[in-house]
Amino acid sequence: PDKATELILYCGGGYRSALVAANLQ
């Protein structure tokens, strides 16, 4: 719930996690 929490996302190779990172931002 704390939107200041640091999040490190990973997928298989870094593509899907990039898309998710943009959405979470």
PDBML (XML) file of the C-alpha atoms, coordinates in Angstrom:
<?xml version="1.0" encoding="UTF-8" ?>
<PDBx:datablock datablockName="MODEL"
   xmlns:PDBx="http://pdbml.pdb.org/schema/pdbx-v50.xsd"
   xmlns:xsi="http://www.w3.org/2001/XMLSchema-instance"
   xsi:schemaLocation="http://pdbml.pdb.org/schema/pdbx-v50.xsd pdbx-v50.xsd">
   <PDBx:atom_siteCategory>
      <PDBx:atom_site id="1">
         <PDBx:B_iso_or_equiv>0.00</PDBx:B_iso_or_equiv>
         <PDBx:Cartn_x>0.000</PDBx:Cartn_x>
         <PDBx:Cartn_y>0.000</PDBx:Cartn_y>
         <PDBx:Cartn_z>0.000</PDBx:Cartn_z>
         <PDBx:auth_asym_id>A</PDBx:auth_asym_id>
         <PDBx:auth_atom_id>CA</PDBx:auth_atom_id>
         <PDBx:auth_comp_id>PRO</PDBx:auth_comp_id>
         <PDBx:auth_seq_id>1</PDBx:auth_seq_id>
         <PDBx:group_PDB>ATOM</PDBx:group_PDB>
         <PDBx:label_alt_id xsi:nil="true" />
         <PDBx:label_asym_id>A</PDBx:label_asym_id>
         <PDBx:label_atom_id>CA</PDBx:label_atom_id>
         <PDBx:label_comp_id>PRO</PDBx:label_comp_id>
         <PDBx:label_entity_id>1</PDBx:label_entity_id>
         <PDBx:label_seq_id>1</PDBx:label_seq_id>
         <PDBx:occupancy>1.00</PDBx:occupancy>
         <PDBx:pdbx_PDB_model_num>1</PDBx:pdbx_PDB_model_num>
         <PDBx:type_symbol>C</PDBx:type_symbol>
      </PDBx:atom_site>
      <PDBx:atom_site id="2">
         <PDBx:B_iso_or_equiv>0.00</PDBx:B_iso_or_equiv>
         <PDBx:Cartn_x>2.899</PDBx:Cartn_x>
         <PDBx:Cartn_y>2.425</PDBx:Cartn_y>
         <PDBx:Cartn_z>0.584</PDBx:Cartn_z>
         <PDBx:auth_asym_id>A</PDBx:auth_asym_id>
         <PDBx:auth_atom_id>CA</PDBx:auth_atom_id>
         <PDBx:auth_comp_id>ASP</PDBx:auth_comp_id>
         <PDBx:auth_seq_id>2</PDBx:auth_seq_id>
         <PDBx:group_PDB>ATOM</PDBx:group_PDB>
         <PDBx:label_alt_id xsi:nil="true" />
         <PDBx:label_asym_id>A</PDBx:label_asym_id>
         <PDBx:label_atom_id>CA</PDBx:label_atom_id>
         <PDBx:label_comp_id>ASP</PDBx:label_comp_id>
         <PDBx:label_entity_id>1</PDBx:label_entity_id>
         <PDBx:label_seq_id>2</PDBx:label_seq_id>
         <PDBx:occupancy>1.00</PDBx:occupancy>
         <PDBx:pdbx_PDB_model_num>1</PDBx:pdbx_PDB_model_num>
         <PDBx:type_symbol>C</PDBx:type_symbol>
      </PDBx:atom_site>
      <PDBx:atom_site id="3">
         <PDBx:B_iso_or_equiv>0.00</PDBx:B_iso_or_equiv>
         <PDBx:Cartn_x>3.638</PDBx:Cartn_x>
         <PDBx:Cartn_y>3.875</PDBx:Cartn_y>
         <PDBx:Cartn_z>-2.832</PDBx:Cartn_z>
         <PDBx:auth_asym_id>A</PDBx:auth_asym_id>
         <PDBx:auth_atom_id>CA</PDBx:auth_atom_id>
         <PDBx:auth_comp_id>LYS</PDBx:auth_comp_id>
         <PDBx:auth_seq_id>3</PDBx:auth_seq_id>
         <PDBx:group_PDB>ATOM</PDBx:group_PDB>
         <PDBx:label_alt_id xsi:nil="true" />
         <PDBx:label_asym_id>A</PDBx:label_asym_id>
         <PDBx:label_atom_id>CA</PDBx:label_atom_id>
         <PDBx:label_comp_id>LYS</PDBx:label_comp_id>
         <PDBx:label_entity_id>1</PDBx:label_entity_id>
         <PDBx:label_seq_id>3</PDBx:label_seq_id>
         <PDBx:occupancy>1.00</PDBx:occupancy>
         <PDBx:pdbx_PDB_model_num>1</PDBx:pdbx_PDB_model_num>
         <PDBx:type_symbol>C</PDBx:type_symbol>
      </PDBx:atom_site>
      <PDBx:atom_site id="4">
         <PDBx:B_iso_or_equiv>0.00</PDBx:B_iso_or_equiv>
         <PDBx:Cartn_x>7.056</PDBx:Cartn_x>
         <PDBx:Cartn_y>5.057</PDBx:Cartn_y>
         <PDBx:Cartn_z>-1.626</PDBx:Cartn_z>
         <PDBx:auth_asym_id>A</PDBx:auth_asym_id>
         <PDBx:auth_atom_id>CA</PDBx:auth_atom_id>
         <PDBx:auth_comp_id>ALA</PDBx:auth_comp_id>
         <PDBx:auth_seq_id>4</PDBx:auth_seq_id>
         <PDBx:group_PDB>ATOM</PDBx:group_PDB>
         <PDBx:label_alt_id xsi:nil="true" />
         <PDBx:label_asym_id>A</PDBx:label_asym_id>
         <PDBx:label_atom_id>CA</PDBx:label_atom_id>
         <PDBx:label_comp_id>ALA</PDBx:label_comp_id>
         <PDBx:label_entity_id>1</PDBx:label_entity_id>
         <PDBx:label_seq_id>4</PDBx:label_seq_id>
         <PDBx:occupancy>1.00</PDBx:occupancy>
         <PDBx:pdbx_PDB_model_num>1</PDBx:pdbx_PDB_model_num>
         <PDBx:type_symbol>C</PDBx:type_symbol>
      </PDBx:atom_site>
      <PDBx:atom_site id="5">
         <PDBx:B_iso_or_equiv>0.00</PDBx:B_iso_or_equiv>
         <PDBx:Cartn_x>8.198</PDBx:Cartn_x>
         <PDBx:Cartn_y>1.443</PDBx:Cartn_y>
         <PDBx:Cartn_z>-1.156</PDBx:Cartn_z>
         <PDBx:auth_asym_id>A</PDBx:auth_asym_id>
         <PDBx:auth_atom_id>CA</PDBx:auth_atom_id>
         <PDBx:auth_comp_id>THR</PDBx:auth_comp_id>
         <PDBx:auth_seq_id>5</PDBx:auth_seq_id>
         <PDBx:group_PDB>ATOM</PDBx:group_PDB>
         <PDBx:label_alt_id xsi:nil="true" />
         <PDBx:label_asym_id>A</PDBx:label_asym_id>
         <PDBx:label_atom_id>CA</PDBx:label_atom_id>
         <PDBx:label_comp_id>THR</PDBx:label_comp_id>
         <PDBx:label_entity_id>1</PDBx:label_entity_id>
         <PDBx:label_seq_id>5</PDBx:label_seq_id>
         <PDBx:occupancy>1.00</PDBx:occupancy>
         <PDBx:pdbx_PDB_model_num>1</PDBx:pdbx_PDB_model_num>
         <PDBx:type_symbol>C</PDBx:type_symbol>
      </PDBx:atom_site>
      <PDBx:atom_site id="6">
         <PDBx:B_iso_or_equiv>0.00</PDBx:B_iso_or_equiv>
         <PDBx:Cartn_x>11.061</PDBx:Cartn_x>
         <PDBx:Cartn_y>0.529</PDBx:Cartn_y>
         <PDBx:Cartn_z>-3.451</PDBx:Cartn_z>
         <PDBx:auth_asym_id>A</PDBx:auth_asym_id>
         <PDBx:auth_atom_id>CA</PDBx:auth_atom_id>
         <PDBx:auth_comp_id>GLU</PDBx:auth_comp_id>
         <PDBx:auth_seq_id>6</PDBx:auth_seq_id>
         <PDBx:group_PDB>ATOM</PDBx:group_PDB>
         <PDBx:label_alt_id xsi:nil="true" />
         <PDBx:label_asym_id>A</PDBx:label_asym_id>
         <PDBx:label_atom_id>CA</PDBx:label_atom_id>
         <PDBx:label_comp_id>GLU</PDBx:label_comp_id>
         <PDBx:label_entity_id>1</PDBx:label_entity_id>
         <PDBx:label_seq_id>6</PDBx:label_seq_id>
         <PDBx:occupancy>1.00</PDBx:occupancy>
         <PDBx:pdbx_PDB_model_num>1</PDBx:pdbx_PDB_model_num>
         <PDBx:type_symbol>C</PDBx:type_symbol>
      </PDBx:atom_site>
      <PDBx:atom_site id="7">
         <PDBx:B_iso_or_equiv>0.00</PDBx:B_iso_or_equiv>
         <PDBx:Cartn_x>10.038</PDBx:Cartn_x>
         <PDBx:Cartn_y>-2.207</PDBx:Cartn_y>
         <PDBx:Cartn_z>-5.898</PDBx:Cartn_z>
         <PDBx:auth_asym_id>A</PDBx:auth_asym_id>
         <PDBx:auth_atom_id>CA</PDBx:auth_atom_id>
         <PDBx:auth_comp_id>LEU</PDBx:auth_comp_id>
         <PDBx:auth_seq_id>7</PDBx:auth_seq_id>
         <PDBx:group_PDB>ATOM</PDBx:group_PDB>
         <PDBx:label_alt_id xsi:nil="true" />
         <PDBx:label_asym_id>A</PDBx:label_asym_id>
         <PDBx:label_atom_id>CA</PDBx:label_atom_id>
         <PDBx:label_comp_id>LEU</PDBx:label_comp_id>
         <PDBx:label_entity_id>1</PDBx:label_entity_id>
         <PDBx:label_seq_id>7</PDBx:label_seq_id>
         <PDBx:occupancy>1.00</PDBx:occupancy>
         <PDBx:pdbx_PDB_model_num>1</PDBx:pdbx_PDB_model_num>
         <PDBx:type_symbol>C</PDBx:type_symbol>
      </PDBx:atom_site>
      <PDBx:atom_site id="8">
         <PDBx:B_iso_or_equiv>0.00</PDBx:B_iso_or_equiv>
         <PDBx:Cartn_x>12.396</PDBx:Cartn_x>
         <PDBx:Cartn_y>-4.285</PDBx:Cartn_y>
         <PDBx:Cartn_z>-8.031</PDBx:Cartn_z>
         <PDBx:auth_asym_id>A</PDBx:auth_asym_id>
         <PDBx:auth_atom_id>CA</PDBx:auth_atom_id>
         <PDBx:auth_comp_id>ILE</PDBx:auth_comp_id>
         <PDBx:auth_seq_id>8</PDBx:auth_seq_id>
         <PDBx:group_PDB>ATOM</PDBx:group_PDB>
         <PDBx:label_alt_id xsi:nil="true" />
         <PDBx:label_asym_id>A</PDBx:label_asym_id>
         <PDBx:label_atom_id>CA</PDBx:label_atom_id>
         <PDBx:label_comp_id>ILE</PDBx:label_comp_id>
         <PDBx:label_entity_id>1</PDBx:label_entity_id>
         <PDBx:label_seq_id>8</PDBx:label_seq_id>
         <PDBx:occupancy>1.00</PDBx:occupancy>
         <PDBx:pdbx_PDB_model_num>1</PDBx:pdbx_PDB_model_num>
         <PDBx:type_symbol>C</PDBx:type_symbol>
      </PDBx:atom_site>
      <PDBx:atom_site id="9">
         <PDBx:B_iso_or_equiv>0.00</PDBx:B_iso_or_equiv>
         <PDBx:Cartn_x>10.458</PDBx:Cartn_x>
         <PDBx:Cartn_y>-6.218</PDBx:Cartn_y>
         <PDBx:Cartn_z>-10.663</PDBx:Cartn_z>
         <PDBx:auth_asym_id>A</PDBx:auth_asym_id>
         <PDBx:auth_atom_id>CA</PDBx:auth_atom_id>
         <PDBx:auth_comp_id>LEU</PDBx:auth_comp_id>
         <PDBx:auth_seq_id>9</PDBx:auth_seq_id>
         <PDBx:group_PDB>ATOM</PDBx:group_PDB>
         <PDBx:label_alt_id xsi:nil="true" />
         <PDBx:label_asym_id>A</PDBx:label_asym_id>
         <PDBx:label_atom_id>CA</PDBx:label_atom_id>
         <PDBx:label_comp_id>LEU</PDBx:label_comp_id>
         <PDBx:label_entity_id>1</PDBx:label_entity_id>
         <PDBx:label_seq_id>9</PDBx:label_seq_id>
         <PDBx:occupancy>1.00</PDBx:occupancy>
         <PDBx:pdbx_PDB_model_num>1</PDBx:pdbx_PDB_model_num>
         <PDBx:type_symbol>C</PDBx:type_symbol>
      </PDBx:atom_site>
      <PDBx:atom_site id="10">
         <PDBx:B_iso_or_equiv>0.00</PDBx:B_iso_or_equiv>
         <PDBx:Cartn_x>11.711</PDBx:Cartn_x>
         <PDBx:Cartn_y>-9.171</PDBx:Cartn_y>
         <PDBx:Cartn_z>-12.659</PDBx:Cartn_z>
         <PDBx:auth_asym_id>A</PDBx:auth_asym_id>
         <PDBx:auth_atom_id>CA</PDBx:auth_atom_id>
         <PDBx:auth_comp_id>TYR</PDBx:auth_comp_id>
         <PDBx:auth_seq_id>10</PDBx:auth_seq_id>
         <PDBx:group_PDB>ATOM</PDBx:group_PDB>
         <PDBx:label_alt_id xsi:nil="true" />
         <PDBx:label_asym_id>A</PDBx:label_asym_id>
         <PDBx:label_atom_id>CA</PDBx:label_atom_id>
         <PDBx:label_comp_id>TYR</PDBx:label_comp_id>
         <PDBx:label_entity_id>1</PDBx:label_entity_id>
         <PDBx:label_seq_id>10</PDBx:label_seq_id>
         <PDBx:occupancy>1.00</PDBx:occupancy>
         <PDBx:pdbx_PDB_model_num>1</PDBx:pdbx_PDB_model_num>
         <PDBx:type_symbol>C</PDBx:type_symbol>
      </PDBx:atom_site>
      <PDBx:atom_site id="11">
         <PDBx:B_iso_or_equiv>0.00</PDBx:B_iso_or_equiv>
         <PDBx:Cartn_x>10.405</PDBx:Cartn_x>
         <PDBx:Cartn_y>-11.449</PDBx:Cartn_y>
         <PDBx:Cartn_z>-15.375</PDBx:Cartn_z>
         <PDBx:auth_asym_id>A</PDBx:auth_asym_id>
         <PDBx:auth_atom_id>CA</PDBx:auth_atom_id>
         <PDBx:auth_comp_id>CYS</PDBx:auth_comp_id>
         <PDBx:auth_seq_id>11</PDBx:auth_seq_id>
         <PDBx:group_PDB>ATOM</PDBx:group_PDB>
         <PDBx:label_alt_id xsi:nil="true" />
         <PDBx:label_asym_id>A</PDBx:label_asym_id>
         <PDBx:label_atom_id>CA</PDBx:label_atom_id>
         <PDBx:label_comp_id>CYS</PDBx:label_comp_id>
         <PDBx:label_entity_id>1</PDBx:label_entity_id>
         <PDBx:label_seq_id>11</PDBx:label_seq_id>
         <PDBx:occupancy>1.00</PDBx:occupancy>
         <PDBx:pdbx_PDB_model_num>1</PDBx:pdbx_PDB_model_num>
         <PDBx:type_symbol>C</PDBx:type_symbol>
      </PDBx:atom_site>
      <PDBx:atom_site id="12">
         <PDBx:B_iso_or_equiv>0.00</PDBx:B_iso_or_equiv>
         <PDBx:Cartn_x>12.247</PDBx:Cartn_x>
         <PDBx:Cartn_y>-13.896</PDBx:Cartn_y>
         <PDBx:Cartn_z>-17.611</PDBx:Cartn_z>
         <PDBx:auth_asym_id>A</PDBx:auth_asym_id>
         <PDBx:auth_atom_id>CA</PDBx:auth_atom_id>
         <PDBx:auth_comp_id>GLY</PDBx:auth_comp_id>
         <PDBx:auth_seq_id>12</PDBx:auth_seq_id>
         <PDBx:group_PDB>ATOM</PDBx:group_PDB>
         <PDBx:label_alt_id xsi:nil="true" />
         <PDBx:label_asym_id>A</PDBx:label_asym_id>
         <PDBx:label_atom_id>CA</PDBx:label_atom_id>
         <PDBx:label_comp_id>GLY</PDBx:label_comp_id>
         <PDBx:label_entity_id>1</PDBx:label_entity_id>
         <PDBx:label_seq_id>12</PDBx:label_seq_id>
         <PDBx:occupancy>1.00</PDBx:occupancy>
         <PDBx:pdbx_PDB_model_num>1</PDBx:pdbx_PDB_model_num>
         <PDBx:type_symbol>C</PDBx:type_symbol>
      </PDBx:atom_site>
      <PDBx:atom_site id="13">
         <PDBx:B_iso_or_equiv>0.00</PDBx:B_iso_or_equiv>
         <PDBx:Cartn_x>14.441</PDBx:Cartn_x>
         <PDBx:Cartn_y>-11.435</PDBx:Cartn_y>
         <PDBx:Cartn_z>-19.471</PDBx:Cartn_z>
         <PDBx:auth_asym_id>A</PDBx:auth_asym_id>
         <PDBx:auth_atom_id>CA</PDBx:auth_atom_id>
         <PDBx:auth_comp_id>GLY</PDBx:auth_comp_id>
         <PDBx:auth_seq_id>13</PDBx:auth_seq_id>
         <PDBx:group_PDB>ATOM</PDBx:group_PDB>
         <PDBx:label_alt_id xsi:nil="true" />
         <PDBx:label_asym_id>A</PDBx:label_asym_id>
         <PDBx:label_atom_id>CA</PDBx:label_atom_id>
         <PDBx:label_comp_id>GLY</PDBx:label_comp_id>
         <PDBx:label_entity_id>1</PDBx:label_entity_id>
         <PDBx:label_seq_id>13</PDBx:label_seq_id>
         <PDBx:occupancy>1.00</PDBx:occupancy>
         <PDBx:pdbx_PDB_model_num>1</PDBx:pdbx_PDB_model_num>
         <PDBx:type_symbol>C</PDBx:type_symbol>
      </PDBx:atom_site>
      <PDBx:atom_site id="14">
         <PDBx:B_iso_or_equiv>0.00</PDBx:B_iso_or_equiv>
         <PDBx:Cartn_x>13.446</PDBx:Cartn_x>
         <PDBx:Cartn_y>-7.909</PDBx:Cartn_y>
         <PDBx:Cartn_z>-18.479</PDBx:Cartn_z>
         <PDBx:auth_asym_id>A</PDBx:auth_asym_id>
         <PDBx:auth_atom_id>CA</PDBx:auth_atom_id>
         <PDBx:auth_comp_id>GLY</PDBx:auth_comp_id>
         <PDBx:auth_seq_id>14</PDBx:auth_seq_id>
         <PDBx:group_PDB>ATOM</PDBx:group_PDB>
         <PDBx:label_alt_id xsi:nil="true" />
         <PDBx:label_asym_id>A</PDBx:label_asym_id>
         <PDBx:label_atom_id>CA</PDBx:label_atom_id>
         <PDBx:label_comp_id>GLY</PDBx:label_comp_id>
         <PDBx:label_entity_id>1</PDBx:label_entity_id>
         <PDBx:label_seq_id>14</PDBx:label_seq_id>
         <PDBx:occupancy>1.00</PDBx:occupancy>
         <PDBx:pdbx_PDB_model_num>1</PDBx:pdbx_PDB_model_num>
         <PDBx:type_symbol>C</PDBx:type_symbol>
      </PDBx:atom_site>
      <PDBx:atom_site id="15">
         <PDBx:B_iso_or_equiv>0.00</PDBx:B_iso_or_equiv>
         <PDBx:Cartn_x>10.739</PDBx:Cartn_x>
         <PDBx:Cartn_y>-7.129</PDBx:Cartn_y>
         <PDBx:Cartn_z>-21.025</PDBx:Cartn_z>
         <PDBx:auth_asym_id>A</PDBx:auth_asym_id>
         <PDBx:auth_atom_id>CA</PDBx:auth_atom_id>
         <PDBx:auth_comp_id>TYR</PDBx:auth_comp_id>
         <PDBx:auth_seq_id>15</PDBx:auth_seq_id>
         <PDBx:group_PDB>ATOM</PDBx:group_PDB>
         <PDBx:label_alt_id xsi:nil="true" />
         <PDBx:label_asym_id>A</PDBx:label_asym_id>
         <PDBx:label_atom_id>CA</PDBx:label_atom_id>
         <PDBx:label_comp_id>TYR</PDBx:label_comp_id>
         <PDBx:label_entity_id>1</PDBx:label_entity_id>
         <PDBx:label_seq_id>15</PDBx:label_seq_id>
         <PDBx:occupancy>1.00</PDBx:occupancy>
         <PDBx:pdbx_PDB_model_num>1</PDBx:pdbx_PDB_model_num>
         <PDBx:type_symbol>C</PDBx:type_symbol>
      </PDBx:atom_site>
      <PDBx:atom_site id="16">
         <PDBx:B_iso_or_equiv>0.00</PDBx:B_iso_or_equiv>
         <PDBx:Cartn_x>7.505</PDBx:Cartn_x>
         <PDBx:Cartn_y>-7.809</PDBx:Cartn_y>
         <PDBx:Cartn_z>-19.139</PDBx:Cartn_z>
         <PDBx:auth_asym_id>A</PDBx:auth_asym_id>
         <PDBx:auth_atom_id>CA</PDBx:auth_atom_id>
         <PDBx:auth_comp_id>ARG</PDBx:auth_comp_id>
         <PDBx:auth_seq_id>16</PDBx:auth_seq_id>
         <PDBx:group_PDB>ATOM</PDBx:group_PDB>
         <PDBx:label_alt_id xsi:nil="true" />
         <PDBx:label_asym_id>A</PDBx:label_asym_id>
         <PDBx:label_atom_id>CA</PDBx:label_atom_id>
         <PDBx:label_comp_id>ARG</PDBx:label_comp_id>
         <PDBx:label_entity_id>1</PDBx:label_entity_id>
         <PDBx:label_seq_id>16</PDBx:label_seq_id>
         <PDBx:occupancy>1.00</PDBx:occupancy>
         <PDBx:pdbx_PDB_model_num>1</PDBx:pdbx_PDB_model_num>
         <PDBx:type_symbol>C</PDBx:type_symbol>
      </PDBx:atom_site>
      <PDBx:atom_site id="17">
         <PDBx:B_iso_or_equiv>0.00</PDBx:B_iso_or_equiv>
         <PDBx:Cartn_x>8.916</PDBx:Cartn_x>
         <PDBx:Cartn_y>-6.225</PDBx:Cartn_y>
         <PDBx:Cartn_z>-15.988</PDBx:Cartn_z>
         <PDBx:auth_asym_id>A</PDBx:auth_asym_id>
         <PDBx:auth_atom_id>CA</PDBx:auth_atom_id>
         <PDBx:auth_comp_id>SER</PDBx:auth_comp_id>
         <PDBx:auth_seq_id>17</PDBx:auth_seq_id>
         <PDBx:group_PDB>ATOM</PDBx:group_PDB>
         <PDBx:label_alt_id xsi:nil="true" />
         <PDBx:label_asym_id>A</PDBx:label_asym_id>
         <PDBx:label_atom_id>CA</PDBx:label_atom_id>
         <PDBx:label_comp_id>SER</PDBx:label_comp_id>
         <PDBx:label_entity_id>1</PDBx:label_entity_id>
         <PDBx:label_seq_id>17</PDBx:label_seq_id>
         <PDBx:occupancy>1.00</PDBx:occupancy>
         <PDBx:pdbx_PDB_model_num>1</PDBx:pdbx_PDB_model_num>
         <PDBx:type_symbol>C</PDBx:type_symbol>
      </PDBx:atom_site>
      <PDBx:atom_site id="18">
         <PDBx:B_iso_or_equiv>0.00</PDBx:B_iso_or_equiv>
         <PDBx:Cartn_x>9.611</PDBx:Cartn_x>
         <PDBx:Cartn_y>-3.033</PDBx:Cartn_y>
         <PDBx:Cartn_z>-17.961</PDBx:Cartn_z>
         <PDBx:auth_asym_id>A</PDBx:auth_asym_id>
         <PDBx:auth_atom_id>CA</PDBx:auth_atom_id>
         <PDBx:auth_comp_id>ALA</PDBx:auth_comp_id>
         <PDBx:auth_seq_id>18</PDBx:auth_seq_id>
         <PDBx:group_PDB>ATOM</PDBx:group_PDB>
         <PDBx:label_alt_id xsi:nil="true" />
         <PDBx:label_asym_id>A</PDBx:label_asym_id>
         <PDBx:label_atom_id>CA</PDBx:label_atom_id>
         <PDBx:label_comp_id>ALA</PDBx:label_comp_id>
         <PDBx:label_entity_id>1</PDBx:label_entity_id>
         <PDBx:label_seq_id>18</PDBx:label_seq_id>
         <PDBx:occupancy>1.00</PDBx:occupancy>
         <PDBx:pdbx_PDB_model_num>1</PDBx:pdbx_PDB_model_num>
         <PDBx:type_symbol>C</PDBx:type_symbol>
      </PDBx:atom_site>
      <PDBx:atom_site id="19">
         <PDBx:B_iso_or_equiv>0.00</PDBx:B_iso_or_equiv>
         <PDBx:Cartn_x>5.958</PDBx:Cartn_x>
         <PDBx:Cartn_y>-2.883</PDBx:Cartn_y>
         <PDBx:Cartn_z>-19.021</PDBx:Cartn_z>
         <PDBx:auth_asym_id>A</PDBx:auth_asym_id>
         <PDBx:auth_atom_id>CA</PDBx:auth_atom_id>
         <PDBx:auth_comp_id>LEU</PDBx:auth_comp_id>
         <PDBx:auth_seq_id>19</PDBx:auth_seq_id>
         <PDBx:group_PDB>ATOM</PDBx:group_PDB>
         <PDBx:label_alt_id xsi:nil="true" />
         <PDBx:label_asym_id>A</PDBx:label_asym_id>
         <PDBx:label_atom_id>CA</PDBx:label_atom_id>
         <PDBx:label_comp_id>LEU</PDBx:label_comp_id>
         <PDBx:label_entity_id>1</PDBx:label_entity_id>
         <PDBx:label_seq_id>19</PDBx:label_seq_id>
         <PDBx:occupancy>1.00</PDBx:occupancy>
         <PDBx:pdbx_PDB_model_num>1</PDBx:pdbx_PDB_model_num>
         <PDBx:type_symbol>C</PDBx:type_symbol>
      </PDBx:atom_site>
      <PDBx:atom_site id="20">
         <PDBx:B_iso_or_equiv>0.00</PDBx:B_iso_or_equiv>
         <PDBx:Cartn_x>4.794</PDBx:Cartn_x>
         <PDBx:Cartn_y>-3.492</PDBx:Cartn_y>
         <PDBx:Cartn_z>-15.452</PDBx:Cartn_z>
         <PDBx:auth_asym_id>A</PDBx:auth_asym_id>
         <PDBx:auth_atom_id>CA</PDBx:auth_atom_id>
         <PDBx:auth_comp_id>VAL</PDBx:auth_comp_id>
         <PDBx:auth_seq_id>20</PDBx:auth_seq_id>
         <PDBx:group_PDB>ATOM</PDBx:group_PDB>
         <PDBx:label_alt_id xsi:nil="true" />
         <PDBx:label_asym_id>A</PDBx:label_asym_id>
         <PDBx:label_atom_id>CA</PDBx:label_atom_id>
         <PDBx:label_comp_id>VAL</PDBx:label_comp_id>
         <PDBx:label_entity_id>1</PDBx:label_entity_id>
         <PDBx:label_seq_id>20</PDBx:label_seq_id>
         <PDBx:occupancy>1.00</PDBx:occupancy>
         <PDBx:pdbx_PDB_model_num>1</PDBx:pdbx_PDB_model_num>
         <PDBx:type_symbol>C</PDBx:type_symbol>
      </PDBx:atom_site>
      <PDBx:atom_site id="21">
         <PDBx:B_iso_or_equiv>0.00</PDBx:B_iso_or_equiv>
         <PDBx:Cartn_x>7.181</PDBx:Cartn_x>
         <PDBx:Cartn_y>-0.829</PDBx:Cartn_y>
         <PDBx:Cartn_z>-14.124</PDBx:Cartn_z>
         <PDBx:auth_asym_id>A</PDBx:auth_asym_id>
         <PDBx:auth_atom_id>CA</PDBx:auth_atom_id>
         <PDBx:auth_comp_id>ALA</PDBx:auth_comp_id>
         <PDBx:auth_seq_id>21</PDBx:auth_seq_id>
         <PDBx:group_PDB>ATOM</PDBx:group_PDB>
         <PDBx:label_alt_id xsi:nil="true" />
         <PDBx:label_asym_id>A</PDBx:label_asym_id>
         <PDBx:label_atom_id>CA</PDBx:label_atom_id>
         <PDBx:label_comp_id>ALA</PDBx:label_comp_id>
         <PDBx:label_entity_id>1</PDBx:label_entity_id>
         <PDBx:label_seq_id>21</PDBx:label_seq_id>
         <PDBx:occupancy>1.00</PDBx:occupancy>
         <PDBx:pdbx_PDB_model_num>1</PDBx:pdbx_PDB_model_num>
         <PDBx:type_symbol>C</PDBx:type_symbol>
      </PDBx:atom_site>
      <PDBx:atom_site id="22">
         <PDBx:B_iso_or_equiv>0.00</PDBx:B_iso_or_equiv>
         <PDBx:Cartn_x>5.630</PDBx:Cartn_x>
         <PDBx:Cartn_y>1.751</PDBx:Cartn_y>
         <PDBx:Cartn_z>-16.435</PDBx:Cartn_z>
         <PDBx:auth_asym_id>A</PDBx:auth_asym_id>
         <PDBx:auth_atom_id>CA</PDBx:auth_atom_id>
         <PDBx:auth_comp_id>ALA</PDBx:auth_comp_id>
         <PDBx:auth_seq_id>22</PDBx:auth_seq_id>
         <PDBx:group_PDB>ATOM</PDBx:group_PDB>
         <PDBx:label_alt_id xsi:nil="true" />
         <PDBx:label_asym_id>A</PDBx:label_asym_id>
         <PDBx:label_atom_id>CA</PDBx:label_atom_id>
         <PDBx:label_comp_id>ALA</PDBx:label_comp_id>
         <PDBx:label_entity_id>1</PDBx:label_entity_id>
         <PDBx:label_seq_id>22</PDBx:label_seq_id>
         <PDBx:occupancy>1.00</PDBx:occupancy>
         <PDBx:pdbx_PDB_model_num>1</PDBx:pdbx_PDB_model_num>
         <PDBx:type_symbol>C</PDBx:type_symbol>
      </PDBx:atom_site>
      <PDBx:atom_site id="23">
         <PDBx:B_iso_or_equiv>0.00</PDBx:B_iso_or_equiv>
         <PDBx:Cartn_x>2.128</PDBx:Cartn_x>
         <PDBx:Cartn_y>0.812</PDBx:Cartn_y>
         <PDBx:Cartn_z>-15.290</PDBx:Cartn_z>
         <PDBx:auth_asym_id>A</PDBx:auth_asym_id>
         <PDBx:auth_atom_id>CA</PDBx:auth_atom_id>
         <PDBx:auth_comp_id>ASN</PDBx:auth_comp_id>
         <PDBx:auth_seq_id>23</PDBx:auth_seq_id>
         <PDBx:group_PDB>ATOM</PDBx:group_PDB>
         <PDBx:label_alt_id xsi:nil="true" />
         <PDBx:label_asym_id>A</PDBx:label_asym_id>
         <PDBx:label_atom_id>CA</PDBx:label_atom_id>
         <PDBx:label_comp_id>ASN</PDBx:label_comp_id>
         <PDBx:label_entity_id>1</PDBx:label_entity_id>
         <PDBx:label_seq_id>23</PDBx:label_seq_id>
         <PDBx:occupancy>1.00</PDBx:occupancy>
         <PDBx:pdbx_PDB_model_num>1</PDBx:pdbx_PDB_model_num>
         <PDBx:type_symbol>C</PDBx:type_symbol>
      </PDBx:atom_site>
      <PDBx:atom_site id="24">
         <PDBx:B_iso_or_equiv>0.00</PDBx:B_iso_or_equiv>
         <PDBx:Cartn_x>3.026</PDBx:Cartn_x>
         <PDBx:Cartn_y>0.959</PDBx:Cartn_y>
         <PDBx:Cartn_z>-11.589</PDBx:Cartn_z>
         <PDBx:auth_asym_id>A</PDBx:auth_asym_id>
         <PDBx:auth_atom_id>CA</PDBx:auth_atom_id>
         <PDBx:auth_comp_id>LEU</PDBx:auth_comp_id>
         <PDBx:auth_seq_id>24</PDBx:auth_seq_id>
         <PDBx:group_PDB>ATOM</PDBx:group_PDB>
         <PDBx:label_alt_id xsi:nil="true" />
         <PDBx:label_asym_id>A</PDBx:label_asym_id>
         <PDBx:label_atom_id>CA</PDBx:label_atom_id>
         <PDBx:label_comp_id>LEU</PDBx:label_comp_id>
         <PDBx:label_entity_id>1</PDBx:label_entity_id>
         <PDBx:label_seq_id>24</PDBx:label_seq_id>
         <PDBx:occupancy>1.00</PDBx:occupancy>
         <PDBx:pdbx_PDB_model_num>1</PDBx:pdbx_PDB_model_num>
         <PDBx:type_symbol>C</PDBx:type_symbol>
      </PDBx:atom_site>
      <PDBx:atom_site id="25">
         <PDBx:B_iso_or_equiv>0.00</PDBx:B_iso_or_equiv>
         <PDBx:Cartn_x>4.571</PDBx:Cartn_x>
         <PDBx:Cartn_y>4.387</PDBx:Cartn_y>
         <PDBx:Cartn_z>-12.079</PDBx:Cartn_z>
         <PDBx:auth_asym_id>A</PDBx:auth_asym_id>
         <PDBx:auth_atom_id>CA</PDBx:auth_atom_id>
         <PDBx:auth_comp_id>GLN</PDBx:auth_comp_id>
         <PDBx:auth_seq_id>25</PDBx:auth_seq_id>
         <PDBx:group_PDB>ATOM</PDBx:group_PDB>
         <PDBx:label_alt_id xsi:nil="true" />
         <PDBx:label_asym_id>A</PDBx:label_asym_id>
         <PDBx:label_atom_id>CA</PDBx:label_atom_id>
         <PDBx:label_comp_id>GLN</PDBx:label_comp_id>
         <PDBx:label_entity_id>1</PDBx:label_entity_id>
         <PDBx:label_seq_id>25</PDBx:label_seq_id>
         <PDBx:occupancy>1.00</PDBx:occupancy>
         <PDBx:pdbx_PDB_model_num>1</PDBx:pdbx_PDB_model_num>
         <PDBx:type_symbol>C</PDBx:type_symbol>
      </PDBx:atom_site>
   </PDBx:atom_siteCategory>
</PDBx:datablock>
